Amino acid sequence: MENNTMSEILQYAPYIVMVIMFCCNYKIFVTPTALDEKLKDYVLKETYTLAYSEMKSDISEIKNKIDKMYDKIMGID
């Protein structure tokens, strides 16, 4: 019985090795360290994107205020 099980395992061994190598080659399974690193990268990118969009709106507000001051000084209003 034990010999029969071993022969079945040996029969499928090349396929098992192929699946394991495929998973390693294409990084299907992620280690906790790599996952933590990717999460930090994602959070940083999201933070910079939010900060950039907020700064962009602040700059447009400043531009509008400068335009109003220019119009007042020039007497265009």
Protein backbone atom coordinates (compact mmCIF):
# COMPACT_ATOMS: atom_id res chain seq x y z
CA MET A 1 0.00 0.00 0.00
CA GLU A 2 2.80 2.41 0.89
CA ASN A 3 4.67 1.51 -2.29
CA ASN A 4 1.53 2.19 -4.35
CA THR A 5 1.20 5.70 -2.89
CA MET A 6 4.84 6.46 -3.58
CA SER A 7 4.52 5.33 -7.19
CA GLU A 8 1.51 7.62 -7.64
CA ILE A 9 3.47 10.55 -6.22
CA LEU A 10 6.40 9.79 -8.51
CA GLN A 11 4.03 9.56 -11.46
CA TYR A 12 2.81 13.12 -10.90
CA ALA A 13 6.15 14.54 -9.67
CA PRO A 14 7.08 16.30 -12.95
CA TYR A 15 3.72 18.06 -13.03
CA ILE A 16 4.04 19.09 -9.40
CA VAL A 17 7.52 20.49 -10.06
CA MET A 18 6.21 22.36 -13.13
CA VAL A 19 3.40 23.96 -11.11
CA ILE A 20 5.78 24.96 -8.32
CA MET A 21 8.26 26.46 -10.81
CA PHE A 22 5.45 28.30 -12.61
CA CYS A 23 4.30 29.81 -9.31
CA CYS A 24 7.84 30.84 -8.39
CA ASN A 25 8.59 32.23 -11.84
CA TYR A 26 5.47 34.42 -12.05
CA LYS A 27 5.47 35.25 -8.32
CA ILE A 28 1.96 33.94 -7.77
CA PHE A 29 2.51 33.51 -4.04
CA VAL A 30 3.73 36.59 -2.21
CA THR A 31 5.81 36.60 0.94
CA PRO A 32 4.62 38.83 3.79
CA THR A 33 7.71 41.03 3.40
CA ALA A 34 7.05 41.66 -0.29
CA LEU A 35 3.37 42.29 0.43
CA ASP A 36 4.24 44.83 3.12
CA GLU A 37 6.65 46.58 0.74
CA LYS A 38 4.02 46.79 -2.03
CA LEU A 39 1.47 48.12 0.46
CA LYS A 40 3.87 50.88 1.56
CA ASP A 41 4.49 51.84 -2.07
CA TYR A 42 0.74 51.98 -2.73
CA VAL A 43 0.05 54.11 0.35
CA LEU A 44 2.86 56.53 -0.57
CA LYS A 45 1.61 56.90 -4.14
CA GLU A 46 -1.94 57.49 -2.91
CA THR A 47 -0.73 60.07 -0.38
CA TYR A 48 1.29 61.96 -3.00
CA THR A 49 -1.65 61.90 -5.41
CA LEU A 50 -3.99 63.35 -2.79
CA ALA A 51 -1.44 65.97 -1.75
CA TYR A 52 -0.89 66.97 -5.39
CA SER A 53 -4.61 67.39 -6.08
CA GLU A 54 -5.05 69.50 -2.93
CA MET A 55 -2.04 71.64 -3.83
CA LYS A 56 -3.37 72.09 -7.37
CA SER A 57 -6.69 73.42 -6.06
CA ASP A 58 -4.85 75.74 -3.63
CA ILE A 59 -2.73 77.12 -6.47
CA SER A 60 -5.81 77.84 -8.56
CA GLU A 61 -7.38 79.70 -5.61
CA ILE A 62 -4.21 81.78 -5.20
CA LYS A 63 -4.21 82.56 -8.93
CA ASN A 64 -7.83 83.73 -8.73
CA LYS A 65 -7.04 86.00 -5.79
CA ILE A 66 -4.02 87.47 -7.58
CA ASP A 67 -6.19 88.13 -10.64
CA LYS A 68 -8.76 89.94 -8.46
CA MET A 69 -6.02 92.06 -6.86
CA TYR A 70 -4.62 92.92 -10.31
CA ASP A 71 -8.07 93.91 -11.54
CA LYS A 72 -8.56 96.17 -8.47
CA ILE A 73 -5.17 97.82 -8.93
CA MET A 74 -5.71 98.39 -12.65
CA GLY A 75 -9.27 99.59 -12.07
CA ILE A 76 -10.74 97.04 -14.45
CA ASP A 77 -13.59 95.94 -12.28
